[in-house]
C-alpha atoms as a PDB file:
ATOM      1  CA  MET A   1     104.403 137.034 140.066  1.00  0.00           C
ATOM      2  CA  THR A   2     102.140 133.642 138.653  1.00  0.00           C
ATOM      3  CA  THR A   3     102.549 130.877 137.048  1.00  0.00           C
ATOM      4  CA  SER A   4     101.098 131.171 133.147  1.00  0.00           C
ATOM      5  CA  LYS A   5      99.590 128.130 131.649  1.00  0.00           C
ATOM      6  CA  ILE A   6     101.169 126.564 128.752  1.00  0.00           C
ATOM      7  CA  ASN A   7      98.974 127.147 125.977  1.00  0.00           C
ATOM      8  CA  LYS A   8      98.703 123.486 124.184  1.00  0.00           C
ATOM      9  CA  VAL A   9      98.772 124.023 120.196  1.00  0.00           C
ATOM     10  CA  LEU A  10      95.624 121.230 118.824  1.00  0.00           C
ATOM     11  CA  ILE A  11      95.524 119.809 115.743  1.00  0.00           C
ATOM     12  CA  ARG A  12      91.396 118.721 115.739  1.00  0.00           C
ATOM     13  CA  PRO A  13      90.822 121.127 112.455  1.00  0.00           C
ATOM     14  CA  PHE A  14      92.832 119.238 110.817  1.00  0.00           C
ATOM     15  CA  THR A  15      91.706 116.405 108.781  1.00  0.00           C
ATOM     16  CA  TYR A  16      93.711 113.900 108.095  1.00  0.00           C
ATOM     17  CA  ILE A  17      93.181 111.679 104.006  1.00  0.00           C
ATOM     18  CA  HIS A  18      94.702 108.649 105.727  1.00  0.00           C
ATOM     19  CA  ASP A  19      94.933 106.714 109.093  1.00  0.00           C
ATOM     20  CA  SER A  20      98.426 107.435 110.887  1.00  0.00           C
ATOM     21  CA  ILE A  21     100.712 104.673 110.671  1.00  0.00           C
ATOM     22  CA  GLY A  22     100.030 104.028 114.400  1.00  0.00           C
ATOM     23  CA  ASN A  23      96.304 103.781 113.832  1.00  0.00           C
ATOM     24  CA  GLU A  24      97.137 101.146 111.112  1.00  0.00           C
ATOM     25  CA  ALA A  25      99.727  99.124 113.200  1.00  0.00           C
ATOM     26  CA  THR A  26      96.741  99.205 116.104  1.00  0.00           C
ATOM     27  CA  LYS A  27      93.861  98.138 113.541  1.00  0.00           C
ATOM     28  CA  ILE A  28      96.663  95.352 111.806  1.00  0.00           C
ATOM     29  CA  LEU A  29      97.246  94.111 115.701  1.00  0.00           C
ATOM     30  CA  CYS A  30      93.641  94.188 116.834  1.00  0.00           C
ATOM     31  CA  LEU A  31      92.969  91.954 114.049  1.00  0.00           C
ATOM     32  CA  LEU A  32      95.748  89.687 114.380  1.00  0.00           C
ATOM     33  CA  CYS A  33      94.734  88.774 117.684  1.00  0.00           C
ATOM     34  CA  VAL A  34      91.459  87.442 116.586  1.00  0.00           C
ATOM     35  CA  GLN A  35      93.579  84.758 114.984  1.00  0.00           C
ATOM     36  CA  VAL A  36      95.881  84.277 118.366  1.00  0.00           C
ATOM     37  CA  ILE A  37      92.576  84.086 119.825  1.00  0.00           C
ATOM     38  CA  LEU A  38      91.357  81.043 117.777  1.00  0.00           C
ATOM     39  CA  LEU A  39      94.135  79.284 118.399  1.00  0.00           C
ATOM     40  CA  ALA A  40      93.722  79.445 121.893  1.00  0.00           C
ATOM     41  CA  ILE A  41      89.967  78.647 121.304  1.00  0.00           C
ATOM     42  CA  THR A  42      91.146  75.300 119.204  1.00  0.00           C
ATOM     43  CA  GLN A  43      94.132  74.275 121.500  1.00  0.00           C
ATOM     44  CA  SER A  44      97.081  75.462 118.743  1.00  0.00           C
ATOM     45  CA  TRP A  45      99.118  75.510 121.794  1.00  0.00           C
ATOM     46  CA  ARG A  46     102.585  74.904 119.963  1.00  0.00           C
ATOM     47  CA  SER A  47     101.227  77.505 117.498  1.00  0.00           C
ATOM     48  CA  LEU A  48     100.473  79.651 119.797  1.00  0.00           C
ATOM     49  CA  PHE A  49     103.725  79.677 121.429  1.00  0.00           C
ATOM     50  CA  ASN A  50     105.712  80.307 118.202  1.00  0.00           C
ATOM     51  CA  VAL A  51     103.389  83.345 118.345  1.00  0.00           C
ATOM     52  CA  ILE A  52     104.529  84.388 121.524  1.00  0.00           C
ATOM     53  CA  ALA A  53     108.010  83.901 121.057  1.00  0.00           C
ATOM     54  CA  THR A  54     108.436  85.935 118.117  1.00  0.00           C
ATOM     55  CA  VAL A  55     106.842  88.435 119.421  1.00  0.00           C
ATOM     56  CA  PHE A  56     109.548  88.569 122.385  1.00  0.00           C
ATOM     57  CA  GLY A  57     111.670  87.875 119.512  1.00  0.00           C
ATOM     58  CA  SER A  58     110.938  90.903 117.653  1.00  0.00           C
ATOM     59  CA  VAL A  59     110.339  93.423 120.935  1.00  0.00           C
ATOM     60  CA  GLY A  60     113.985  92.069 122.212  1.00  0.00           C
ATOM     61  CA  ALA A  61     115.698  93.017 118.778  1.00  0.00           C
ATOM     62  CA  TYR A  62     113.783  96.364 119.004  1.00  0.00           C
ATOM     63  CA  TYR A  63     115.003  96.928 122.975  1.00  0.00           C
ATOM     64  CA  ILE A  64     118.381  96.068 121.621  1.00  0.00           C
ATOM     65  CA  ASN A  65     118.909  98.288 119.119  1.00  0.00           C
ATOM     66  CA  GLN A  66     117.417 101.452 121.257  1.00  0.00           C
ATOM     67  CA  LYS A  67     119.919  99.973 123.477  1.00  0.00           C
ATOM     68  CA  PHE A  68     123.120 100.812 121.173  1.00  0.00           C
ATOM     69  CA  ASN A  69     121.336 103.204 119.090  1.00  0.00           C
ATOM     70  CA  LYS A  70     120.342 107.272 120.205  1.00  0.00           C
ATOM     71  CA  TYR A  71     116.380 107.642 119.451  1.00  0.00           C
ATOM     72  CA  ASP A  72     115.416 109.200 116.388  1.00  0.00           C
ATOM     73  CA  ILE A  73     111.470 110.730 116.061  1.00  0.00           C
ATOM     74  CA  GLN A  74     110.931 108.168 112.894  1.00  0.00           C
ATOM     75  CA  ASP A  75     111.359 104.932 115.259  1.00  0.00           C
ATOM     76  CA  TYR A  76     108.133 106.596 117.361  1.00  0.00           C
ATOM     77  CA  PHE A  77     105.942 103.579 116.305  1.00  0.00           C
ATOM     78  CA  SER A  78     108.735 100.766 116.353  1.00  0.00           C
ATOM     79  CA  LEU A  79     107.665  99.399 119.384  1.00  0.00           C
ATOM     80  CA  LEU A  80     103.920  99.045 118.213  1.00  0.00           C
ATOM     81  CA  ILE A  81     105.574  97.765 114.529  1.00  0.00           C
ATOM     82  CA  SER A  82     108.081  95.272 116.350  1.00  0.00           C
ATOM     83  CA  ILE A  83     104.451  93.113 117.827  1.00  0.00           C
ATOM     84  CA  VAL A  84     102.567  93.046 114.657  1.00  0.00           C
ATOM     85  CA  GLN A  85     105.944  92.224 112.990  1.00  0.00           C
ATOM     86  CA  GLY A  86     106.350  89.354 115.857  1.00  0.00           C
ATOM     87  CA  LEU A  87     102.394  88.502 115.266  1.00  0.00           C
ATOM     88  CA  ILE A  88     103.056  88.062 111.521  1.00  0.00           C
ATOM     89  CA  THR A  89     106.192  86.007 111.460  1.00  0.00           C
ATOM     90  CA  GLY A  90     104.944  84.124 114.097  1.00  0.00           C
ATOM     91  CA  MET A  91     101.766  83.060 112.127  1.00  0.00           C
ATOM     92  CA  LEU A  92     103.775  81.805 109.171  1.00  0.00           C
ATOM     93  CA  VAL A  93     105.805  79.208 111.458  1.00  0.00           C
ATOM     94  CA  PRO A  94     105.211  75.825 111.853  1.00  0.00           C
ATOM     95  CA  SER A  95     104.029  74.461 114.880  1.00  0.00           C
ATOM     96  CA  THR A  96     106.908  71.928 114.498  1.00  0.00           C
ATOM     97  CA  PHE A  97     109.353  74.353 115.545  1.00  0.00           C
ATOM     98  CA  MET A  98     110.622  74.371 119.057  1.00  0.00           C
ATOM     99  CA  PRO A  99     109.718  78.454 120.642  1.00  0.00           C
ATOM    100  CA  VAL A 100     113.163  78.615 122.157  1.00  0.00           C
ATOM    101  CA  SER A 101     114.661  77.953 118.088  1.00  0.00           C
ATOM    102  CA  VAL A 102     112.327  80.283 116.929  1.00  0.00           C
ATOM    103  CA  PHE A 103     112.994  83.371 119.706  1.00  0.00           C
ATOM    104  CA  PHE A 104     116.546  83.369 119.457  1.00  0.00           C
ATOM    105  CA  ILE A 105     116.630  82.931 115.518  1.00  0.00           C
ATOM    106  CA  THR A 106     113.380  85.673 115.056  1.00  0.00           C
ATOM    107  CA  MET A 107     115.546  88.398 117.718  1.00  0.00           C
ATOM    108  CA  ILE A 108     118.519  88.132 115.467  1.00  0.00           C
ATOM    109  CA  VAL A 109     116.974  88.176 111.964  1.00  0.00           C
ATOM    110  CA  MET A 110     114.953  90.844 113.048  1.00  0.00           C
ATOM    111  CA  LEU A 111     117.792  92.826 114.027  1.00  0.00           C
ATOM    112  CA  VAL A 112     119.995  92.596 111.296  1.00  0.00           C
ATOM    113  CA  VAL A 113     117.437  92.789 108.373  1.00  0.00           C
ATOM    114  CA  LYS A 114     116.289  95.892 110.182  1.00  0.00           C
ATOM    115  CA  HIS A 115     119.306  97.410 110.955  1.00  0.00           C
ATOM    116  CA  PHE A 116     120.821  97.114 107.404  1.00  0.00           C
ATOM    117  CA  PHE A 117     117.613  98.061 105.021  1.00  0.00           C
ATOM    118  CA  GLY A 118     116.141 101.031 106.060  1.00  0.00           C
ATOM    119  CA  GLY A 119     115.556 101.466 109.746  1.00  0.00           C
ATOM    120  CA  PHE A 120     113.233  99.805 112.301  1.00  0.00           C
ATOM    121  CA  SER A 121     109.725 100.946 111.105  1.00  0.00           C
ATOM    122  CA  TYR A 122     110.209 101.341 108.099  1.00  0.00           C
ATOM    123  CA  SER A 123     112.971  98.824 106.494  1.00  0.00           C
ATOM    124  CA  TRP A 124     112.327  98.696 102.722  1.00  0.00           C
ATOM    125  CA  ALA A 125     112.761  94.668 102.787  1.00  0.00           C
ATOM    126  CA  ASN A 126     109.849  92.637 104.813  1.00  0.00           C
ATOM    127  CA  PRO A 127     111.736  91.600 108.143  1.00  0.00           C
ATOM    128  CA  CYS A 128     108.448  88.848 108.835  1.00  0.00           C
ATOM    129  CA  VAL A 129     109.465  87.280 105.704  1.00  0.00           C
ATOM    130  CA  TYR A 130     113.029  87.127 105.674  1.00  0.00           C
ATOM    131  CA  THR A 131     112.827  85.455 109.192  1.00  0.00           C
ATOM    132  CA  VAL A 132     110.261  82.761 107.549  1.00  0.00           C
ATOM    133  CA  VAL A 133     112.865  81.914 105.030  1.00  0.00           C
ATOM    134  CA  ILE A 134     115.947  81.627 107.589  1.00  0.00           C
ATOM    135  CA  LEU A 135     113.834  79.435 109.566  1.00  0.00           C
ATOM    136  CA  TRP A 136     112.778  77.535 106.360  1.00  0.00           C
ATOM    137  CA  ILE A 137     116.805  77.563 105.625  1.00  0.00           C
ATOM    138  CA  VAL A 138     117.720  75.772 108.954  1.00  0.00           C
ATOM    139  CA  GLY A 139     114.789  73.837 109.550  1.00  0.00           C
ATOM    140  CA  TYR A 140     113.175  72.645 105.997  1.00  0.00           C
ATOM    141  CA  LYS A 141     111.922  69.117 107.136  1.00  0.00           C
ATOM    142  CA  LEU A 142     110.012  71.088 109.396  1.00  0.00           C
ATOM    143  CA  PHE A 143     107.812  72.662 106.766  1.00  0.00           C
ATOM    144  CA  PRO A 144     104.830  70.810 105.588  1.00  0.00           C
ATOM    145  CA  GLN A 145     105.290  69.124 102.135  1.00  0.00           C
ATOM    146  CA  TYR A 146     102.949  70.072  98.825  1.00  0.00           C
ATOM    147  CA  LEU A 147     100.053  68.731  98.708  1.00  0.00           C
ATOM    148  CA  ILE A 148      99.523  68.861  94.361  1.00  0.00           C
ATOM    149  CA  THR A 149     101.720  66.012  92.781  1.00  0.00           C
ATOM    150  CA  SER A 150     101.419  66.354  88.904  1.00  0.00           C
ATOM    151  CA  ASP A 151      98.944  63.295  88.941  1.00  0.00           C
ATOM    152  CA  LEU A 152      96.656  65.350  91.075  1.00  0.00           C
ATOM    153  CA  LEU A 153      96.964  68.460  88.464  1.00  0.00           C
ATOM    154  CA  THR A 154      95.088  66.318  85.775  1.00  0.00           C
ATOM    155  CA  MET A 155      92.049  66.249  87.438  1.00  0.00           C
ATOM    156  CA  ARG A 156      89.384  68.688  87.214  1.00  0.00           C
ATOM    157  CA  ASN A 157      89.169  69.336  91.114  1.00  0.00           C
ATOM    158  CA  PRO A 158      92.212  68.773  93.233  1.00  0.00           C
ATOM    159  CA  SER A 159      91.049  70.224  95.823  1.00  0.00           C
ATOM    160  CA  GLN A 160      87.885  67.960  95.748  1.00  0.00           C
ATOM    161  CA  TYR A 161      90.282  65.103  95.950  1.00  0.00           C
ATOM    162  CA  LEU A 162      92.192  66.372  98.977  1.00  0.00           C
ATOM    163  CA  ILE A 163      89.343  67.127 100.753  1.00  0.00           C
ATOM    164  CA  GLU A 164      87.485  63.957 100.262  1.00  0.00           C
ATOM    165  CA  ASN A 165      91.423  62.010 101.116  1.00  0.00           C
ATOM    166  CA  GLY A 166      91.266  63.674 104.419  1.00  0.00           C
ATOM    167  CA  PHE A 167      94.384  66.267 103.953  1.00  0.00           C
ATOM    168  CA  PHE A 168      91.325  68.506 104.740  1.00  0.00           C
ATOM    169  CA  LYS A 169      89.428  68.003 108.465  1.00  0.00           C
ATOM    170  CA  ILE A 170      85.643  68.417 107.212  1.00  0.00           C
ATOM    171  CA  TYR A 171      83.493  70.072 110.366  1.00  0.00           C
ATOM    172  CA  SER A 172      80.603  68.336 111.344  1.00  0.00           C
ATOM    173  CA  GLN A 173      78.438  71.738 110.341  1.00  0.00           C
ATOM    174  CA  ASP A 174      79.984  71.251 106.742  1.00  0.00           C
ATOM    175  CA  SER A 175      77.085  69.440 105.293  1.00  0.00           C
ATOM    176  CA  SER A 176      74.584  71.174 106.684  1.00  0.00           C
ATOM    177  CA  ILE A 177      75.984  74.668 105.960  1.00  0.00           C
ATOM    178  CA  THR A 178      77.228  73.755 102.383  1.00  0.00           C
ATOM    179  CA  ASP A 179      73.268  72.322 101.891  1.00  0.00           C
ATOM    180  CA  ALA A 180      72.277  75.889 103.055  1.00  0.00           C
ATOM    181  CA  LEU A 181      74.258  77.849 100.884  1.00  0.00           C
ATOM    182  CA  ASN A 182      73.315  75.407  97.526  1.00  0.00           C
ATOM    183  CA  THR A 183      69.503  76.043  98.436  1.00  0.00           C
ATOM    184  CA  SER A 184      69.718  79.606  98.780  1.00  0.00           C
ATOM    185  CA  ILE A 185      72.260  81.157  96.919  1.00  0.00           C
ATOM    186  CA  PHE A 186      74.167  78.838  94.532  1.00  0.00           C
ATOM    187  CA  SER A 187      71.052  77.438  93.265  1.00  0.00           C
ATOM    188  CA  ILE A 188      70.404  80.559  92.054  1.00  0.00           C
ATOM    189  CA  PHE A 189      73.325  80.696  89.636  1.00  0.00           C
ATOM    190  CA  LYS A 190      72.383  76.643  88.753  1.00  0.00           C
ATOM    191  CA  VAL A 191      75.490  75.429  90.486  1.00  0.00           C
ATOM    192  CA  SER A 192      76.447  74.171  94.040  1.00  0.00           C
ATOM    193  CA  VAL A 193      79.096  73.951  96.211  1.00  0.00           C
ATOM    194  CA  PRO A 194      80.383  70.179  97.157  1.00  0.00           C
ATOM    195  CA  GLU A 195      80.829  69.226 101.025  1.00  0.00           C
ATOM    196  CA  GLY A 196      84.183  70.211 102.566  1.00  0.00           C
ATOM    197  CA  TYR A 197      84.664  73.638 101.292  1.00  0.00           C
ATOM    198  CA  VAL A 198      83.143  75.771 103.534  1.00  0.00           C
ATOM    199  CA  SER A 199      85.782  73.926 106.078  1.00  0.00           C
ATOM    200  CA  LEU A 200      88.395  74.850 104.166  1.00  0.00           C
ATOM    201  CA  PHE A 201      87.260  78.504 104.276  1.00  0.00           C
ATOM    202  CA  TRP A 202      86.740  78.734 108.019  1.00  0.00           C
ATOM    203  CA  ASP A 203      90.119  76.286 109.185  1.00  0.00           C
ATOM    204  CA  THR A 204      92.684  74.496 106.484  1.00  0.00           C
ATOM    205  CA  GLN A 205      94.203  72.847 109.788  1.00  0.00           C
ATOM    206  CA  SER A 206      97.592  73.408 108.581  1.00  0.00           C
ATOM    207  CA  ILE A 207     100.482  73.488 111.018  1.00  0.00           C
ATOM    208  CA  ILE A 208     101.117  77.039 109.606  1.00  0.00           C
ATOM    209  CA  PRO A 209      98.604  79.230 111.348  1.00  0.00           C
ATOM    210  CA  ALA A 210      98.074  81.808 108.797  1.00  0.00           C
ATOM    211  CA  PHE A 211      97.251  78.922 106.569  1.00  0.00           C
ATOM    212  CA  ARG A 212      94.517  78.457 108.579  1.00  0.00           C
ATOM    213  CA  PHE A 213      91.491  80.556 108.702  1.00  0.00           C
ATOM    214  CA  ASN A 214      90.547  82.216 105.441  1.00  0.00           C
ATOM    215  CA  PHE A 215      86.768  83.040 106.047  1.00  0.00           C
ATOM    216  CA  ILE A 216      88.628  85.723 109.553  1.00  0.00           C
ATOM    217  CA  THR A 217      91.117  86.705 106.888  1.00  0.00           C
ATOM    218  CA  ILE A 218      88.567  87.602 104.531  1.00  0.00           C
ATOM    219  CA  ILE A 219      86.474  89.242 107.122  1.00  0.00           C
ATOM    220  CA  SER A 220      90.057  91.071 108.337  1.00  0.00           C
ATOM    221  CA  SER A 221      90.539  92.423 104.907  1.00  0.00           C
ATOM    222  CA  LEU A 222      87.466  94.642 104.944  1.00  0.00           C
ATOM    223  CA  LEU A 223      88.090  95.879 107.776  1.00  0.00           C
ATOM    224  CA  LEU A 224      91.269  96.926 106.847  1.00  0.00           C
ATOM    225  CA  PHE A 225      90.849  98.400 103.633  1.00  0.00           C
ATOM    226  CA  CYS A 226      87.458  99.589 103.474  1.00  0.00           C
ATOM    227  CA  ASP A 227      88.682 103.647 104.667  1.00  0.00           C
ATOM    228  CA  ASP A 228      90.990 103.326 101.387  1.00  0.00           C
ATOM    229  CA  LEU A 229      90.654 102.085  98.379  1.00  0.00           C
ATOM    230  CA  VAL A 230      94.110 102.927  97.627  1.00  0.00           C
ATOM    231  CA  LYS A 231      95.297 100.205 100.046  1.00  0.00           C
ATOM    232  CA  ILE A 232      93.106  97.644  98.143  1.00  0.00           C
ATOM    233  CA  ILE A 233      95.310  98.219  94.397  1.00  0.00           C
ATOM    234  CA  ILE A 234      98.422  96.006  95.325  1.00  0.00           C
ATOM    235  CA  PRO A 235      96.634  92.738  97.362  1.00  0.00           C
ATOM    236  CA  ALA A 236      93.978  92.825  94.900  1.00  0.00           C
ATOM    237  CA  LEU A 237      95.993  93.088  91.651  1.00  0.00           C
ATOM    238  CA  PHE A 238      98.381  90.517  93.781  1.00  0.00           C
ATOM    239  CA  LEU A 239      94.953  87.897  94.488  1.00  0.00           C
ATOM    240  CA  PHE A 240      93.560  88.690  90.688  1.00  0.00           C
ATOM    241  CA  VAL A 241      96.966  88.217  88.948  1.00  0.00           C
ATOM    242  CA  TYR A 242      97.780  84.939  90.533  1.00  0.00           C
ATOM    243  CA  ILE A 243      94.710  82.956  90.233  1.00  0.00           C
ATOM    244  CA  LEU A 244      94.237  84.051  86.630  1.00  0.00           C
ATOM    245  CA  LEU A 245      97.290  82.590  85.634  1.00  0.00           C
ATOM    246  CA  VAL A 246      96.510  79.446  87.693  1.00  0.00           C
ATOM    247  CA  ARG A 247      93.010  79.273  86.284  1.00  0.00           C
ATOM    248  CA  ILE A 248      94.438  79.334  82.803  1.00  0.00           C
ATOM    249  CA  PHE A 249      97.592  77.770  82.611  1.00  0.00           C
ATOM    250  CA  GLY A 250      97.927  76.079  86.383  1.00  0.00           C
ATOM    251  CA  THR A 251      97.567  72.314  84.195  1.00  0.00           C
ATOM    252  CA  VAL A 252      99.100  73.164  80.758  1.00  0.00           C
ATOM    253  CA  LEU A 253     102.949  71.193  81.806  1.00  0.00           C
ATOM    254  CA  TYR A 254     100.947  68.478  82.641  1.00  0.00           C
ATOM    255  CA  SER A 255      97.465  68.426  80.728  1.00  0.00           C
ATOM    256  CA  ASN A 256      98.120  70.310  78.338  1.00  0.00           C
ATOM    257  CA  SER A 257      95.275  72.327  78.872  1.00  0.00           C
ATOM    258  CA  LEU A 258      94.411  75.732  79.472  1.00  0.00           C
ATOM    259  CA  MET A 259      91.267  76.936  81.925  1.00  0.00           C
ATOM    260  CA  GLN A 260      91.759  73.748  84.328  1.00  0.00           C
ATOM    261  CA  GLY A 261      93.430  75.304  87.137  1.00  0.00           C
ATOM    262  CA  ASP A 262      91.473  75.366  90.268  1.00  0.00           C
ATOM    263  CA  MET A 263      91.896  78.676  92.096  1.00  0.00           C
ATOM    264  CA  ILE A 264      90.452  78.136  95.357  1.00  0.00           C
ATOM    265  CA  LEU A 265      93.142  75.695  96.299  1.00  0.00           C
ATOM    266  CA  ALA A 266      95.215  78.171  95.255  1.00  0.00           C
ATOM    267  CA  LEU A 267      93.048  81.451  96.866  1.00  0.00           C
ATOM    268  CA  LEU A 268      92.699  79.117  99.678  1.00  0.00           C
ATOM    269  CA  THR A 269      96.265  77.001 101.173  1.00  0.00           C
ATOM    270  CA  SER A 270     100.190  78.473 101.214  1.00  0.00           C
ATOM    271  CA  GLY A 271      98.596  81.653 103.043  1.00  0.00           C
ATOM    272  CA  THR A 272      98.087  83.555  99.827  1.00  0.00           C
ATOM    273  CA  LEU A 273      95.088  85.450 101.590  1.00  0.00           C
ATOM    274  CA  PHE A 274      96.880  85.961 104.694  1.00  0.00           C
ATOM    275  CA  ILE A 275      99.966  87.081 102.317  1.00  0.00           C
ATOM    276  CA  ALA A 276      97.785  89.309 100.628  1.00  0.00           C
ATOM    277  CA  VAL A 277      95.744  91.594 103.639  1.00  0.00           C
ATOM    278  CA  PHE A 278      98.921  91.644 106.103  1.00  0.00           C
ATOM    279  CA  VAL A 279     102.326  91.013 104.377  1.00  0.00           C
ATOM    280  CA  ILE A 280     102.495  92.244 100.611  1.00  0.00           C
ATOM    281  CA  GLY A 281     101.391  95.555 100.915  1.00  0.00           C
ATOM    282  CA  TRP A 282     103.518  96.378 104.049  1.00  0.00           C
ATOM    283  CA  TYR A 283     104.687 100.041 104.673  1.00  0.00           C
ATOM    284  CA  GLY A 284     108.360 100.799 103.301  1.00  0.00           C
ATOM    285  CA  THR A 285     108.210  98.050 100.916  1.00  0.00           C
ATOM    286  CA  THR A 286     105.981  99.077  98.381  1.00  0.00           C
ATOM    287  CA  PRO A 287     105.891 101.817  95.223  1.00  0.00           C
ATOM    288  CA  ILE A 288     104.417 105.510  96.463  1.00  0.00           C
ATOM    289  CA  SER A 289     102.899 106.063  93.174  1.00  0.00           C
ATOM    290  CA  ILE A 290      98.784 104.321  91.444  1.00  0.00           C
ATOM    291  CA  GLY A 291     100.789 103.774  88.873  1.00  0.00           C
ATOM    292  CA  GLY A 292     104.045 101.905  90.864  1.00  0.00           C
ATOM    293  CA  LYS A 293     101.227 100.105  93.169  1.00  0.00           C
ATOM    294  CA  ILE A 294      99.633  98.599  90.022  1.00  0.00           C
ATOM    295  CA  ALA A 295     102.997  97.860  88.516  1.00  0.00           C
ATOM    296  CA  TYR A 296     103.939  95.798  92.006  1.00  0.00           C
ATOM    297  CA  GLY A 297     101.123  94.166  92.115  1.00  0.00           C
ATOM    298  CA  ILE A 298     101.301  92.518  88.812  1.00  0.00           C
ATOM    299  CA  VAL A 299     104.788  91.118  89.316  1.00  0.00           C
ATOM    300  CA  ALA A 300     103.926  89.992  92.655  1.00  0.00           C
ATOM    301  CA  GLY A 301     100.953  88.123  91.015  1.00  0.00           C
ATOM    302  CA  ILE A 302     103.276  86.536  88.494  1.00  0.00           C
ATOM    303  CA  LEU A 303     106.326  85.749  91.162  1.00  0.00           C
ATOM    304  CA  ALA A 304     103.119  83.791  93.315  1.00  0.00           C
ATOM    305  CA  PHE A 305     102.367  81.723  90.496  1.00  0.00           C
ATOM    306  CA  LEU A 306     106.188  81.031  89.217  1.00  0.00           C
ATOM    307  CA  ILE A 307     107.181  79.724  93.009  1.00  0.00           C
ATOM    308  CA  CYS A 308     103.667  78.500  94.486  1.00  0.00           C
ATOM    309  CA  GLY A 309     102.489  77.209  91.049  1.00  0.00           C
ATOM    310  CA  ASN A 310      99.304  76.167  91.781  1.00  0.00           C
ATOM    311  CA  GLY A 311      98.679  76.152  95.693  1.00  0.00           C
ATOM    312  CA  THR A 312      99.815  74.290  98.861  1.00  0.00           C
ATOM    313  CA  SER A 313     103.582  75.380  98.924  1.00  0.00           C
ATOM    314  CA  PRO A 314     104.908  75.729 102.711  1.00  0.00           C
ATOM    315  CA  VAL A 315     107.062  78.937 102.064  1.00  0.00           C
ATOM    316  CA  GLY A 316     106.804  79.973  99.050  1.00  0.00           C
ATOM    317  CA  MET A 317     104.859  82.858  99.647  1.00  0.00           C
ATOM    318  CA  ALA A 318     107.793  84.340 101.497  1.00  0.00           C
ATOM    319  CA  PHE A 319     110.265  83.910  98.907  1.00  0.00           C
ATOM    320  CA  THR A 320     107.052  85.533  96.868  1.00  0.00           C
ATOM    321  CA  VAL A 321     107.251  88.877  98.867  1.00  0.00           C
ATOM    322  CA  LEU A 322     111.239  88.691  99.121  1.00  0.00           C
ATOM    323  CA  ILE A 323     111.421  88.606  95.821  1.00  0.00           C
ATOM    324  CA  SER A 324     108.842  91.521  95.368  1.00  0.00           C
ATOM    325  CA  ASN A 325     110.736  93.651  97.345  1.00  0.00           C
ATOM    326  CA  VAL A 326     113.366  94.017  95.639  1.00  0.00           C
ATOM    327  CA  VAL A 327     111.611  94.626  92.181  1.00  0.00           C
ATOM    328  CA  SER A 328     109.911  97.254  94.378  1.00  0.00           C
ATOM    329  CA  ILE A 329     112.930  99.233  94.828  1.00  0.00           C
ATOM    330  CA  ILE A 330     113.057  99.243  91.008  1.00  0.00           C
ATOM    331  CA  ILE A 331     109.703 100.482  90.649  1.00  0.00           C
ATOM    332  CA  GLN A 332     110.786 103.266  93.447  1.00  0.00           C
ATOM    333  CA  GLN A 333     113.887 103.960  91.851  1.00  0.00           C
ATOM    334  CA  TYR A 334     111.676 104.815  88.640  1.00  0.00           C
ATOM    335  CA  GLU A 335     109.361 106.769  90.782  1.00  0.00           C
ATOM    336  CA  ASN A 336     112.033 108.937  91.746  1.00  0.00           C
ATOM    337  CA  ARG A 337     114.324 109.839  88.529  1.00  0.00           C
ATOM    338  CA  ARG A 338     110.750 110.406  86.674  1.00  0.00           C
ATOM    339  CA  ASP A 339     109.798 112.765  90.254  1.00  0.00           C
ATOM    340  CA  ARG A 340     113.146 114.499  89.572  1.00  0.00           C
ATOM    341  CA  ILE A 341     112.704 115.510  85.980  1.00  0.00           C
ATOM    342  CA  ASN A 342     109.591 116.191  85.977  1.00  0.00           C
ATOM    343  CA  LEU A 343     110.337 118.777  88.928  1.00  0.00           C
ATOM    344  CA  ILE A 344     112.985 120.124  87.062  1.00  0.00           C
ATOM    345  CA  LYS A 345     110.987 120.945  83.932  1.00  0.00           C
ATOM    346  CA  MET A 346     108.210 122.758  86.303  1.00  0.00           C
ATOM    347  CA  LEU A 347     111.538 124.664  87.668  1.00  0.00           C
ATOM    348  CA  ASN A 348     112.435 125.495  84.252  1.00  0.00           C
ATOM    349  CA  SER A 349     109.516 126.339  82.936  1.00  0.00           C
ATOM    350  CA  ALA A 350     108.433 128.796  86.333  1.00  0.00           C
ATOM    351  CA  LYS A 351     112.030 130.960  85.723  1.00  0.00           C
ATOM    352  CA  LEU A 352     111.110 131.246  82.063  1.00  0.00           C
ATOM    353  CA  MET A 353     107.872 132.499  83.234  1.00  0.00           C
ATOM    354  CA  GLU A 354     109.527 134.979  85.600  1.00  0.00           C
ATOM    355  CA  ASP A 355     112.393 136.200  82.451  1.00  0.00           C
ATOM    356  CA  ASN A 356     109.246 137.138  80.101  1.00  0.00           C
END
């Protein structure tokens, strides 16, 4: 009697419209690793150690959960997602924190938030921002302060003042790159970019890693959203609404003038781009429908302006995401109610047709 080979069922004939959660998490992991490598290249060791601490804390929470709970099929990608969430959390932690403290706080908060808010892979509340908020509550003095003051907001370009007065480091190559851009590109539009903005795009030198490598974050967004335009709805609307409100109303309370807000400063500080690319649209925390995503992105942009103002906020974007997640629950409840009503109408219509 011969043993017959087990036939394997292949899924190759099928085509997926979207990447799987595993593929998406792997892509995000690779893009985040680029920023981690830059931390090593720039010898930002304290930031690097904190990133390692948050990764171990997040993974530790995963294994503790696995130890005391039965394995569930929905947790298949939990380890990979826990690593990604650990990286995101570490990028939002100031280098002034001690890695040991960061490790234990991350592990405890991740365990509690994921356990009570809907599962280890697909929690409706983003555990990364909750961890950052708890760290801010525990050690708010270790976070940087606002660079924007009421006096600065009366100026036309607060970002240029901060650059000229040494709040942001100017690299030696900045002048030559700025001249080349002004000559080749911006001259076409009859405008010029002052020295220092290239450095601000490349590395703000913030003690919070997520606030630093804006150019790399922009490149990451192109790679992350190029294959699915639906994914870009939330971050695009979030950024558009936020910087538009900054531009129109950013200085109203201080100079009684409209259209004077510094959009570049708002975009390149507070971790605005990093939050838009890696955090605001995290799986399980956003509405399902296109209309819901549009509403969510707009609300998140409004909240960002109300909380972070004109930029340089140390933890405002984390609070923005936290409150936006709560708003998302309200939107999703409306979506579920609408879908139930539409389903009942379809069933009643089908029943009438069958009776006739």
